[in-house]
Amino acid sequence: MQNPSAPVVETRQGALAGFTDDDVHVWSGIPYAAPPVGAWRWRSPQPPAAWEGLRSATMFSASSWQNSEYCQELGGGDPGQFSEDCLYLNVWSPVARTAPLPVMVWLHGGGFTIGAGGLPPYNGKALARRDVVVVTLNYRLGHLGFFAHPALAGEEEQVVHNFALLDQIAALNWVRDNIAAFGGDPNSITLFGESAGARSVLSLLASPLAGGLFHKAIVQSGYTLPDTPRAQALQKGEALAAHFGFENATAEQLRAIPPEAFWPLTSPLNIAPAPVVGDCVLPEAMLDVFFAARQHPVPVMIGSNSDEASVMAVFGIDLAGQIQKLRRERRFGLGLIKLLYPGVKGDEELGRQVCRDMAFTTMGFVVMQAQQRVGAPCWRYWFDYVAEAEHATYINGAWHGNEVPYVFDTLGQVEPSRHYVNSRDMQFSAQVADYWVNFAHHASSSRDTLKGPTHWPACRKGRDVLLRIGVNKNAGFRLENRFMRARMSLFKRVMKHHVSLD
């Protein structure tokens, strides 16, 4: 139940009035940067303007331009209205607090093309009730967030193509400067995200511009797709300009293209679900940074789901065809792969598991080894829980993104799970959320174990251990040593080989 009390906070830009939702204060639609519109499209985000008087912060802002139907089907809900003026964030903080609380900053997923910080699965109330301050945010999506064209060269002191990542950095700067007013500890910020949000976390762990802006990181289903080379991004930008009738486009012509014209573009004019390498944000490819163990040395939790290949089918990838392609090309030993997947029958199922592990599971292994090299702790997980009523639907395990309402403990409030979850599902969801909050509260370079139903040890040098969250789709937590170790070692070598070819 909401009540009419309006909690007021004073930020560096001015005073904000939120609302109280039971025992949690909420502020929505807070500007963390100036609107990136007009001449500010495809420029680094600028500080937000100050205001006079009391600003209402009770409504989510407009989202970045995107496919609404697609977001409702796959992205977690209705993103609402769209605008280029989308750089806003939301804060949840418990009413009763006696000391500054750890802060958890969420980066939503959606392939860098859909999503918003105000979607129902990301409601921060249940986490805030566990004594953390939760922040969710919007960032520029699609071509508005990632773009390169020669006409934009020289407009800023540094080369910039990853505008969305700079938005996230701007939000982290805002959190550092303002979160104390909301009860948060600016010296204890956990950055967490899923899918493209997880890829963003990995990118910021690798970016020289993000050092010191967060102190811990959680990576949910981060993927190994290589960053887009700058030269390729420039070529795509020129092709996009030509598509709109500008063979030798000026910056003014490009900025005059209506913002709603970008998101419907399809291959080859759409953006890749990976940032651009070669600008000031990512001077070096994210994977290369982790292969060389040059990431920011903060505690990390990383994991993925048991049926991540579900998202590949959505994007039209033929799973069986991937195995048939390997068979034709005779690359890196299809026979060896079959040995690593004993008992897996048929190209469809083998392709499902191989694609899952190459694209997702291996990322956790790469990060774990990089963390071990820099002496920073790494907690690894594998999410395989499926709500009891859905076992027949999710026959291969937990789909891409299925863990999100468990992490936020919103399983009973969001579509479609609220219609079928039972008390055991809800109890399990609460335990998962507890682990995430325990990480935000207690993970540190000197701590080895997170408390929970199963004490969860970090992977230190010489220790490769993983927490199975849900076992064979059922409730339970179990530790496993050297999880898929042979597969992970092979696929890491394959990844490094392809990076070296690039």
Protein backbone atom coordinates (compact mmCIF):
# COMPACT_ATOMS: atom_id res chain seq x y z
CA MET A 1 0.00 0.00 0.00
CA GLN A 2 1.23 3.48 -0.87
CA ASN A 3 0.64 6.31 1.53
CA PRO A 4 0.72 10.03 0.84
CA SER A 5 3.91 10.74 2.78
CA ALA A 6 6.48 12.31 0.52
CA PRO A 7 10.10 11.71 1.52
CA VAL A 8 12.25 14.67 0.51
CA VAL A 9 15.97 14.51 -0.26
CA GLU A 10 18.41 17.22 -1.25
CA THR A 11 20.68 16.34 -4.20
CA ARG A 12 23.40 18.47 -5.75
CA GLN A 13 20.91 19.58 -8.41
CA GLY A 14 18.00 20.34 -6.06
CA ALA A 15 15.33 18.87 -3.80
CA LEU A 16 13.31 15.77 -4.74
CA ALA A 17 10.00 14.51 -3.34
CA GLY A 18 9.33 10.79 -3.70
CA PHE A 19 6.72 8.53 -2.13
CA THR A 20 6.57 5.81 0.50
CA ASP A 21 5.61 2.25 -0.44
CA ASP A 22 5.01 0.43 2.85
CA ASP A 23 8.41 0.45 4.56
CA VAL A 24 10.43 1.65 1.56
CA HIS A 25 10.98 5.17 0.22
CA VAL A 26 10.96 5.46 -3.59
CA TRP A 27 12.15 8.21 -5.92
CA SER A 28 11.57 7.75 -9.65
CA GLY A 29 12.58 9.67 -12.75
CA ILE A 30 15.63 11.44 -11.32
CA PRO A 31 17.78 13.09 -14.03
CA TYR A 32 21.39 11.95 -13.80
CA ALA A 33 22.53 13.71 -17.00
CA ALA A 34 21.31 16.43 -19.32
CA PRO A 35 18.95 15.34 -22.13
CA PRO A 36 21.09 13.97 -25.00
CA VAL A 37 18.96 15.64 -27.68
CA GLY A 38 19.57 17.93 -30.63
CA ALA A 39 23.25 18.83 -30.84
CA TRP A 40 23.89 16.56 -27.84
CA ARG A 41 22.92 13.38 -29.67
CA TRP A 42 26.04 11.21 -30.00
CA ARG A 43 28.01 13.21 -27.46
CA SER A 44 29.22 12.36 -23.99
CA PRO A 45 26.50 12.87 -21.36
CA GLN A 46 26.61 16.25 -19.63
CA PRO A 47 25.76 17.01 -15.97
CA PRO A 48 22.07 17.54 -15.24
CA ALA A 49 20.81 21.08 -14.77
CA ALA A 50 19.90 22.32 -11.32
CA TRP A 51 16.31 23.26 -10.50
CA GLU A 52 14.54 25.55 -8.10
CA GLY A 53 11.98 24.39 -5.58
CA LEU A 54 10.80 20.83 -4.99
CA ARG A 55 10.85 18.45 -7.95
CA SER A 56 8.40 15.54 -8.00
CA ALA A 57 10.08 12.13 -8.33
CA THR A 58 7.09 9.79 -8.35
CA MET A 59 6.90 8.64 -12.00
CA PHE A 60 9.27 6.62 -14.17
CA SER A 61 10.74 8.60 -17.04
CA ALA A 62 10.39 7.88 -20.74
CA SER A 63 12.56 5.02 -22.02
CA SER A 64 15.04 5.13 -24.87
CA TRP A 65 13.50 4.47 -28.30
CA GLN A 66 12.91 0.75 -28.91
CA ASN A 67 10.48 -1.93 -30.06
CA SER A 68 7.71 -1.88 -27.43
CA GLU A 69 6.14 -5.16 -28.51
CA TYR A 70 9.49 -6.92 -28.41
CA CYS A 71 10.24 -5.53 -24.95
CA GLN A 72 6.86 -6.67 -23.62
CA GLU A 73 7.41 -10.15 -25.04
CA LEU A 74 11.05 -10.66 -24.10
CA GLY A 75 12.35 -7.71 -22.11
CA GLY A 76 10.33 -7.87 -18.90
CA GLY A 77 7.34 -5.65 -19.51
CA ASP A 78 5.96 -2.48 -21.05
CA PRO A 79 8.69 0.20 -21.42
CA GLY A 80 6.06 2.94 -21.65
CA GLN A 81 6.69 6.19 -23.51
CA PHE A 82 9.85 6.78 -25.56
CA SER A 83 12.13 9.79 -25.87
CA GLU A 84 15.74 10.67 -26.55
CA ASP A 85 15.42 12.51 -23.25
CA CYS A 86 15.74 9.25 -21.28
CA LEU A 87 18.70 9.58 -18.90
CA TYR A 88 16.95 9.11 -15.57
CA LEU A 89 17.29 6.74 -12.64
CA ASN A 90 15.20 5.41 -9.76
CA VAL A 91 16.05 4.81 -6.08
CA TRP A 92 14.56 2.52 -3.41
CA SER A 93 15.70 2.96 0.20
CA PRO A 94 14.32 1.44 3.43
CA VAL A 95 12.45 3.84 5.70
CA ALA A 96 14.14 2.51 8.84
CA ARG A 97 17.92 2.77 8.73
CA THR A 98 20.52 3.66 11.30
CA ALA A 99 23.69 3.75 9.20
CA PRO A 100 24.68 4.21 5.54
CA LEU A 101 23.69 1.12 3.54
CA PRO A 102 25.37 -0.73 0.67
CA VAL A 103 24.17 0.42 -2.76
CA MET A 104 23.18 -1.92 -5.62
CA VAL A 105 23.11 -0.29 -9.08
CA TRP A 106 21.26 -2.32 -11.73
CA LEU A 107 21.96 -2.27 -15.48
CA HIS A 108 19.10 -3.83 -17.42
CA GLY A 109 19.50 -6.25 -20.30
CA GLY A 110 17.88 -6.38 -23.72
CA GLY A 111 20.66 -6.74 -26.28
CA PHE A 112 21.39 -2.98 -25.99
CA THR A 113 18.18 -2.43 -27.99
CA ILE A 114 15.28 -2.89 -25.53
CA GLY A 115 14.60 -2.46 -21.82
CA ALA A 116 14.31 0.19 -19.13
CA GLY A 117 15.14 0.62 -15.45
CA GLY A 118 11.48 0.93 -14.48
CA LEU A 119 10.29 -2.47 -15.75
CA PRO A 120 8.32 -4.53 -13.19
CA PRO A 121 10.92 -7.30 -12.61
CA TYR A 122 13.41 -4.63 -11.47
CA ASN A 123 11.26 -3.20 -8.68
CA GLY A 124 13.79 -2.60 -5.91
CA LYS A 125 11.41 -2.81 -2.96
CA ALA A 126 12.12 -6.40 -1.89
CA LEU A 127 15.89 -5.88 -2.05
CA ALA A 128 15.69 -2.56 -0.21
CA ARG A 129 13.85 -4.35 2.59
CA ARG A 130 17.07 -6.34 3.05
CA ASP A 131 18.93 -3.15 4.02
CA VAL A 132 20.38 -1.99 0.74
CA VAL A 133 19.71 1.05 -1.42
CA VAL A 134 18.73 0.01 -4.94
CA VAL A 135 19.26 2.11 -8.08
CA THR A 136 17.95 1.27 -11.56
CA LEU A 137 18.51 3.41 -14.63
CA ASN A 138 17.88 3.99 -18.31
CA TYR A 139 20.67 4.40 -20.83
CA ARG A 140 20.69 5.16 -24.55
CA LEU A 141 19.81 2.12 -26.68
CA GLY A 142 20.46 0.98 -30.23
CA HIS A 143 22.11 3.46 -32.60
CA LEU A 144 21.52 6.26 -30.10
CA GLY A 145 23.78 4.41 -27.65
CA PHE A 146 26.41 2.99 -30.01
CA PHE A 147 27.37 4.83 -33.16
CA ALA A 148 30.35 5.76 -35.30
CA HIS A 149 30.56 7.97 -38.39
CA PRO A 150 33.43 10.04 -39.84
CA ALA A 151 31.26 13.18 -39.73
CA LEU A 152 31.29 13.04 -35.92
CA ALA A 153 35.08 12.82 -35.66
CA GLY A 154 36.83 15.56 -33.71
CA GLU A 155 33.73 16.87 -31.94
CA GLU A 156 35.12 15.87 -28.56
CA GLU A 157 38.62 15.71 -27.16
CA GLN A 158 38.46 11.92 -27.08
CA VAL A 159 37.04 9.41 -29.54
CA VAL A 160 33.60 8.29 -28.36
CA HIS A 161 31.35 5.59 -29.79
CA ASN A 162 30.00 3.84 -26.68
CA PHE A 163 27.57 6.54 -25.56
CA ALA A 164 25.47 4.02 -23.62
CA LEU A 165 28.46 2.98 -21.53
CA LEU A 166 29.24 6.65 -20.87
CA ASP A 167 25.64 7.05 -19.70
CA GLN A 168 26.18 4.24 -17.20
CA ILE A 169 29.41 5.89 -16.03
CA ALA A 170 27.55 9.20 -15.63
CA ALA A 171 24.93 7.42 -13.52
CA LEU A 172 27.66 5.95 -11.32
CA ASN A 173 29.15 9.42 -10.89
CA TRP A 174 25.71 10.69 -9.85
CA VAL A 175 25.39 7.83 -7.35
CA ARG A 176 28.81 8.60 -5.87
CA ASP A 177 27.90 12.28 -5.45
CA ASN A 178 24.29 11.96 -4.26
CA ILE A 179 23.45 8.54 -2.84
CA ALA A 180 24.35 9.48 0.75
CA ALA A 181 21.24 11.70 0.79
CA PHE A 182 19.15 8.57 0.16
CA GLY A 183 20.83 6.57 2.94
CA GLY A 184 23.40 4.86 0.74
CA ASP A 185 27.13 4.38 1.31
CA PRO A 186 29.06 5.84 -1.66
CA ASN A 187 32.03 3.68 -0.66
CA SER A 188 30.07 0.42 -1.05
CA ILE A 189 28.55 0.29 -4.52
CA THR A 190 27.76 -3.02 -6.21
CA LEU A 191 27.20 -2.81 -9.97
CA PHE A 192 25.04 -5.65 -11.26
CA GLY A 193 23.31 -6.50 -14.52
CA GLU A 194 21.96 -9.25 -16.75
CA SER A 195 22.62 -10.06 -20.43
CA ALA A 196 23.50 -6.72 -22.10
CA GLY A 197 23.53 -5.28 -18.59
CA ALA A 198 26.05 -7.95 -17.59
CA ARG A 199 28.04 -7.22 -20.72
CA SER A 200 28.01 -3.58 -19.62
CA VAL A 201 29.36 -4.57 -16.19
CA LEU A 202 32.16 -6.52 -17.88
CA SER A 203 32.89 -3.55 -20.15
CA LEU A 204 33.11 -1.17 -17.19
CA LEU A 205 35.37 -3.62 -15.37
CA ALA A 206 37.61 -3.29 -18.43
CA SER A 207 37.22 0.46 -19.02
CA PRO A 208 39.88 2.90 -17.80
CA LEU A 209 37.10 5.48 -17.30
CA ALA A 210 35.20 3.44 -14.69
CA GLY A 211 37.93 2.72 -12.15
CA GLY A 212 36.84 3.48 -8.58
CA LEU A 213 33.19 4.15 -9.48
CA PHE A 214 32.02 0.80 -8.07
CA HIS A 215 33.48 -1.58 -5.54
CA LYS A 216 31.89 -4.93 -6.40
CA ALA A 217 30.31 -6.44 -9.50
CA ILE A 218 27.71 -9.08 -10.32
CA VAL A 219 27.59 -10.47 -13.87
CA GLN A 220 24.41 -12.41 -14.75
CA SER A 221 24.60 -14.18 -18.11
CA GLY A 222 27.37 -12.09 -19.61
CA TYR A 223 28.25 -13.31 -23.09
CA THR A 224 31.47 -13.83 -25.04
CA LEU A 225 30.46 -12.16 -28.32
CA PRO A 226 33.46 -10.07 -29.45
CA ASP A 227 33.30 -6.28 -29.33
CA THR A 228 32.62 -4.53 -32.65
CA PRO A 229 35.87 -3.18 -34.17
CA ARG A 230 35.84 0.60 -34.64
CA ALA A 231 36.50 0.32 -38.39
CA GLN A 232 33.47 -1.92 -38.77
CA ALA A 233 31.33 0.46 -36.73
CA LEU A 234 32.39 3.36 -38.95
CA GLN A 235 31.50 1.40 -42.09
CA LYS A 236 28.11 0.56 -40.64
CA GLY A 237 27.55 4.21 -39.75
CA GLU A 238 28.24 5.25 -43.33
CA ALA A 239 25.92 2.54 -44.62
CA LEU A 240 23.21 3.77 -42.26
CA ALA A 241 23.65 7.34 -43.47
CA ALA A 242 23.38 6.15 -47.08
CA HIS A 243 20.20 4.27 -46.16
CA PHE A 244 18.69 7.60 -45.11
CA GLY A 245 19.90 9.29 -48.32
CA PHE A 246 23.13 10.88 -47.09
CA GLU A 247 26.13 9.64 -49.08
CA ASN A 248 28.43 12.27 -47.59
CA ALA A 249 26.54 13.01 -44.41
CA THR A 250 27.23 15.95 -42.17
CA ALA A 251 26.81 15.76 -38.41
CA GLU A 252 23.79 18.06 -38.70
CA GLN A 253 22.11 15.76 -41.23
CA LEU A 254 22.70 12.72 -39.05
CA ARG A 255 21.30 14.44 -35.98
CA ALA A 256 18.23 15.50 -37.93
CA ILE A 257 17.20 11.86 -38.51
CA PRO A 258 14.14 11.25 -36.30
CA PRO A 259 15.01 9.10 -33.27
CA GLU A 260 12.17 6.70 -34.01
CA ALA A 261 13.74 5.87 -37.39
CA PHE A 262 16.60 3.84 -35.94
CA TRP A 263 15.08 1.00 -33.91
CA PRO A 264 13.15 -0.68 -36.78
CA LEU A 265 16.35 -1.14 -38.81
CA THR A 266 17.28 -4.77 -39.45
CA SER A 267 20.48 -6.55 -40.41
CA PRO A 268 22.95 -5.42 -41.64
CA LEU A 269 22.05 -1.93 -40.40
CA ASN A 270 21.11 -2.86 -36.83
CA ILE A 271 23.70 -2.70 -34.05
CA ALA A 272 25.44 -5.75 -32.65
CA PRO A 273 24.64 -6.70 -29.03
CA ALA A 274 28.21 -5.74 -28.09
CA PRO A 275 30.01 -2.42 -27.56
CA VAL A 276 32.55 -0.87 -29.93
CA VAL A 277 36.25 -1.34 -29.25
CA GLY A 278 38.63 1.50 -30.08
CA ASP A 279 37.24 4.55 -28.30
CA CYS A 280 38.05 6.21 -24.98
CA VAL A 281 35.63 3.93 -23.10
CA LEU A 282 37.01 0.67 -24.49
CA PRO A 283 40.46 1.28 -25.97
CA GLU A 284 41.03 -2.48 -25.64
CA ALA A 285 38.55 -5.28 -26.28
CA MET A 286 36.81 -6.48 -23.12
CA LEU A 287 37.84 -10.11 -23.69
CA ASP A 288 41.47 -9.11 -24.22
CA VAL A 289 41.45 -7.23 -20.91
CA PHE A 290 40.24 -10.31 -19.05
CA PHE A 291 42.57 -12.67 -20.93
CA ALA A 292 45.43 -10.42 -19.75
CA ALA A 293 43.92 -9.98 -16.25
CA ARG A 294 43.95 -6.19 -16.50
CA GLN A 295 40.40 -5.68 -15.19
CA HIS A 296 39.62 -3.53 -12.16
CA PRO A 297 40.42 -5.86 -9.22
CA VAL A 298 37.12 -5.80 -7.32
CA PRO A 299 35.14 -8.76 -5.92
CA VAL A 300 33.00 -10.34 -8.63
CA MET A 301 30.05 -12.73 -8.69
CA ILE A 302 29.43 -14.28 -12.11
CA GLY A 303 27.20 -16.99 -13.50
CA SER A 304 24.75 -18.08 -16.14
CA ASN A 305 21.66 -20.22 -16.64
CA SER A 306 21.22 -23.82 -17.67
CA ASP A 307 19.33 -23.05 -20.90
CA GLU A 308 20.94 -19.86 -22.13
CA ALA A 309 20.62 -21.19 -25.70
CA SER A 310 16.95 -20.28 -25.46
CA VAL A 311 17.89 -16.73 -26.44
CA MET A 312 19.73 -17.95 -29.54
CA ALA A 313 16.60 -19.55 -30.92
CA VAL A 314 14.81 -16.23 -30.42
CA PHE A 315 17.43 -14.57 -32.60
CA GLY A 316 17.07 -17.21 -35.29
CA ILE A 317 20.27 -19.16 -34.70
CA ASP A 318 19.96 -22.73 -35.92
CA LEU A 319 21.41 -24.76 -33.05
CA ALA A 320 21.62 -28.01 -35.00
CA GLY A 321 23.08 -26.08 -37.91
CA GLN A 322 26.01 -24.96 -35.74
CA ILE A 323 27.03 -28.59 -35.22
CA GLN A 324 26.54 -29.39 -38.89
CA LYS A 325 28.75 -26.43 -39.71
CA LEU A 326 31.46 -27.78 -37.41
CA ARG A 327 31.12 -31.14 -39.10
CA ARG A 328 31.59 -29.62 -42.57
CA GLU A 329 34.47 -27.38 -41.57
CA ARG A 330 36.13 -29.97 -39.31
CA ARG A 331 37.11 -27.24 -36.89
CA PHE A 332 38.73 -27.93 -33.51
CA GLY A 333 37.53 -31.54 -33.42
CA LEU A 334 33.82 -32.33 -33.41
CA GLY A 335 34.84 -35.71 -32.05
CA LEU A 336 36.46 -34.03 -29.06
CA ILE A 337 33.33 -31.98 -28.44
CA LYS A 338 31.20 -35.12 -28.45
CA LEU A 339 33.54 -36.64 -25.89
CA LEU A 340 32.98 -33.59 -23.69
CA TYR A 341 29.19 -34.02 -23.92
CA PRO A 342 28.68 -37.72 -23.21
CA GLY A 343 25.14 -38.96 -23.56
CA VAL A 344 23.93 -35.96 -25.55
CA LYS A 345 21.96 -37.23 -28.53
CA GLY A 346 21.36 -35.42 -31.79
CA ASP A 347 22.70 -32.24 -33.38
CA GLU A 348 19.89 -30.08 -31.94
CA GLU A 349 20.63 -30.89 -28.30
CA LEU A 350 24.41 -30.93 -28.81
CA GLY A 351 24.18 -27.54 -30.53
CA ARG A 352 22.04 -26.20 -27.69
CA GLN A 353 24.59 -27.15 -25.05
CA VAL A 354 27.70 -26.22 -27.04
CA CYS A 355 26.31 -22.79 -27.99
CA ARG A 356 25.22 -22.20 -24.39
CA ASP A 357 28.68 -23.01 -23.05
CA MET A 358 30.69 -21.17 -25.70
CA ALA A 359 28.58 -18.02 -25.50
CA PHE A 360 27.78 -17.90 -21.78
CA THR A 361 29.22 -20.52 -19.41
CA THR A 362 32.81 -19.94 -20.55
CA MET A 363 32.62 -16.24 -19.64
CA GLY A 364 32.44 -17.20 -15.96
CA PHE A 365 35.50 -19.41 -16.32
CA VAL A 366 37.48 -16.64 -18.07
CA VAL A 367 36.57 -14.09 -15.39
CA MET A 368 37.36 -16.54 -12.58
CA GLN A 369 40.85 -17.14 -13.92
CA ALA A 370 41.45 -13.41 -14.43
CA GLN A 371 40.30 -12.72 -10.87
CA GLN A 372 42.64 -15.41 -9.54
CA ARG A 373 45.56 -13.79 -11.37
CA VAL A 374 44.95 -10.39 -9.77
CA GLY A 375 44.18 -11.83 -6.33
CA ALA A 376 40.53 -10.70 -6.28
CA PRO A 377 37.73 -13.05 -5.16
CA CYS A 378 35.23 -14.53 -7.60
CA TRP A 379 31.98 -16.29 -6.72
CA ARG A 380 30.62 -18.46 -9.55
CA TYR A 381 27.08 -19.81 -9.90
CA TRP A 382 24.94 -21.90 -12.27
CA PHE A 383 21.19 -21.14 -12.19
CA ASP A 384 18.97 -24.13 -12.96
CA TYR A 385 15.77 -23.52 -10.99
CA VAL A 386 12.38 -23.64 -12.71
CA ALA A 387 9.10 -22.84 -10.96
CA GLU A 388 7.34 -26.11 -10.17
CA ALA A 389 4.35 -25.43 -12.42
CA GLU A 390 6.64 -24.80 -15.41
CA HIS A 391 8.79 -27.94 -15.47
CA ALA A 392 7.00 -29.23 -18.55
CA THR A 393 7.51 -25.90 -20.37
CA TYR A 394 11.17 -25.32 -19.51
CA ILE A 395 12.29 -28.85 -20.30
CA ASN A 396 15.94 -27.87 -20.80
CA GLY A 397 16.24 -25.78 -17.64
CA ALA A 398 16.27 -22.07 -16.84
CA TRP A 399 15.98 -19.80 -19.85
CA HIS A 400 18.03 -16.69 -20.48
CA GLY A 401 16.79 -14.06 -18.03
CA ASN A 402 14.76 -16.46 -15.87
CA GLU A 403 16.86 -15.72 -12.79
CA VAL A 404 16.06 -11.97 -12.74
CA PRO A 405 12.76 -12.07 -10.75
CA TYR A 406 14.44 -14.44 -8.28
CA VAL A 407 17.32 -12.01 -7.79
CA PHE A 408 14.91 -9.11 -7.19
CA ASP A 409 12.44 -11.33 -5.31
CA THR A 410 9.68 -10.05 -7.59
CA LEU A 411 8.55 -13.50 -8.75
CA GLY A 412 5.09 -13.14 -7.21
CA GLN A 413 4.44 -9.68 -8.66
CA VAL A 414 5.43 -9.92 -12.34
CA GLU A 415 3.97 -11.47 -15.48
CA PRO A 416 3.55 -14.31 -16.10
CA SER A 417 5.06 -15.92 -12.98
CA ARG A 418 2.62 -14.35 -10.53
CA HIS A 419 -0.12 -16.60 -11.96
CA TYR A 420 1.58 -19.91 -11.24
CA VAL A 421 4.26 -19.64 -8.53
CA ASN A 422 3.70 -21.42 -5.22
CA SER A 423 5.06 -20.93 -1.72
CA ARG A 424 8.10 -23.15 -2.37
CA ASP A 425 9.01 -21.12 -5.47
CA MET A 426 8.68 -17.93 -3.43
CA GLN A 427 10.84 -19.28 -0.63
CA PHE A 428 13.54 -20.24 -3.11
CA SER A 429 13.36 -16.80 -4.72
CA ALA A 430 13.87 -15.16 -1.32
CA GLN A 431 16.97 -17.29 -0.73
CA VAL A 432 18.46 -16.26 -4.09
CA ALA A 433 17.85 -12.58 -3.32
CA ASP A 434 19.49 -13.09 0.07
CA TYR A 435 22.68 -14.34 -1.60
CA TRP A 436 22.83 -11.26 -3.86
CA VAL A 437 22.32 -8.88 -0.95
CA ASN A 438 24.86 -10.79 1.17
CA PHE A 439 27.37 -10.21 -1.63
CA ALA A 440 26.61 -6.47 -1.58
CA HIS A 441 26.95 -6.38 2.22
CA HIS A 442 29.90 -8.67 2.81
CA ALA A 443 31.96 -9.53 -0.29
CA SER A 444 35.49 -8.21 0.03
CA SER A 445 39.06 -9.04 -0.89
CA SER A 446 39.54 -10.58 2.55
CA ARG A 447 36.31 -12.59 2.69
CA ASP A 448 36.15 -16.18 1.43
CA THR A 449 32.55 -17.23 2.03
CA LEU A 450 29.02 -15.89 1.55
CA LYS A 451 26.44 -17.17 4.01
CA GLY A 452 23.22 -18.83 2.85
CA PRO A 453 21.51 -22.23 2.75
CA THR A 454 24.88 -23.46 1.50
CA HIS A 455 27.99 -21.52 2.50
CA TRP A 456 29.39 -20.29 -0.81
CA PRO A 457 33.20 -20.05 -1.04
CA ALA A 458 34.98 -17.72 -3.42
CA CYS A 459 37.28 -19.07 -6.12
CA ARG A 460 40.75 -18.26 -4.91
CA LYS A 461 43.98 -19.36 -6.52
CA GLY A 462 43.88 -23.14 -6.84
CA ARG A 463 40.15 -23.32 -6.03
CA ASP A 464 37.56 -23.76 -8.79
CA VAL A 465 34.18 -24.12 -7.08
CA LEU A 466 30.70 -23.18 -8.25
CA LEU A 467 27.32 -22.91 -6.52
CA ARG A 468 24.49 -24.68 -8.31
CA ILE A 469 21.39 -22.60 -7.66
CA GLY A 470 18.64 -25.11 -8.27
CA VAL A 471 19.65 -28.66 -9.15
CA ASN A 472 17.96 -30.34 -12.10
CA LYS A 473 15.36 -27.54 -12.10
CA ASN A 474 14.46 -28.22 -8.46
CA ALA A 475 15.04 -26.34 -5.21
CA GLY A 476 18.38 -26.69 -3.53
CA PHE A 477 21.90 -25.32 -3.50
CA ARG A 478 24.95 -27.50 -4.11
CA LEU A 479 28.64 -26.83 -4.51
CA GLU A 480 30.50 -28.37 -7.42
CA ASN A 481 34.26 -28.42 -7.99
CA ARG A 482 35.83 -27.90 -11.41
CA PHE A 483 32.44 -27.39 -13.08
CA MET A 484 32.66 -28.28 -16.80
CA ARG A 485 36.40 -27.67 -16.49
CA ALA A 486 37.44 -29.55 -19.65
CA ARG A 487 34.80 -27.84 -21.78
CA MET A 488 35.68 -24.43 -20.38
CA SER A 489 39.39 -24.90 -21.06
CA LEU A 490 38.71 -25.86 -24.68
CA PHE A 491 36.30 -23.03 -25.37
CA LYS A 492 38.58 -20.45 -23.76
CA ARG A 493 41.34 -21.57 -26.14
CA VAL A 494 38.93 -21.25 -29.06
CA MET A 495 37.94 -17.75 -27.94
CA LYS A 496 41.57 -16.63 -27.61
CA HIS A 497 42.34 -18.08 -31.04
CA HIS A 498 39.53 -16.10 -32.66
CA VAL A 499 40.52 -12.92 -30.84
CA SER A 500 44.08 -13.31 -32.12
CA LEU A 501 42.75 -13.78 -35.68
CA ASP A 502 40.80 -10.52 -35.38
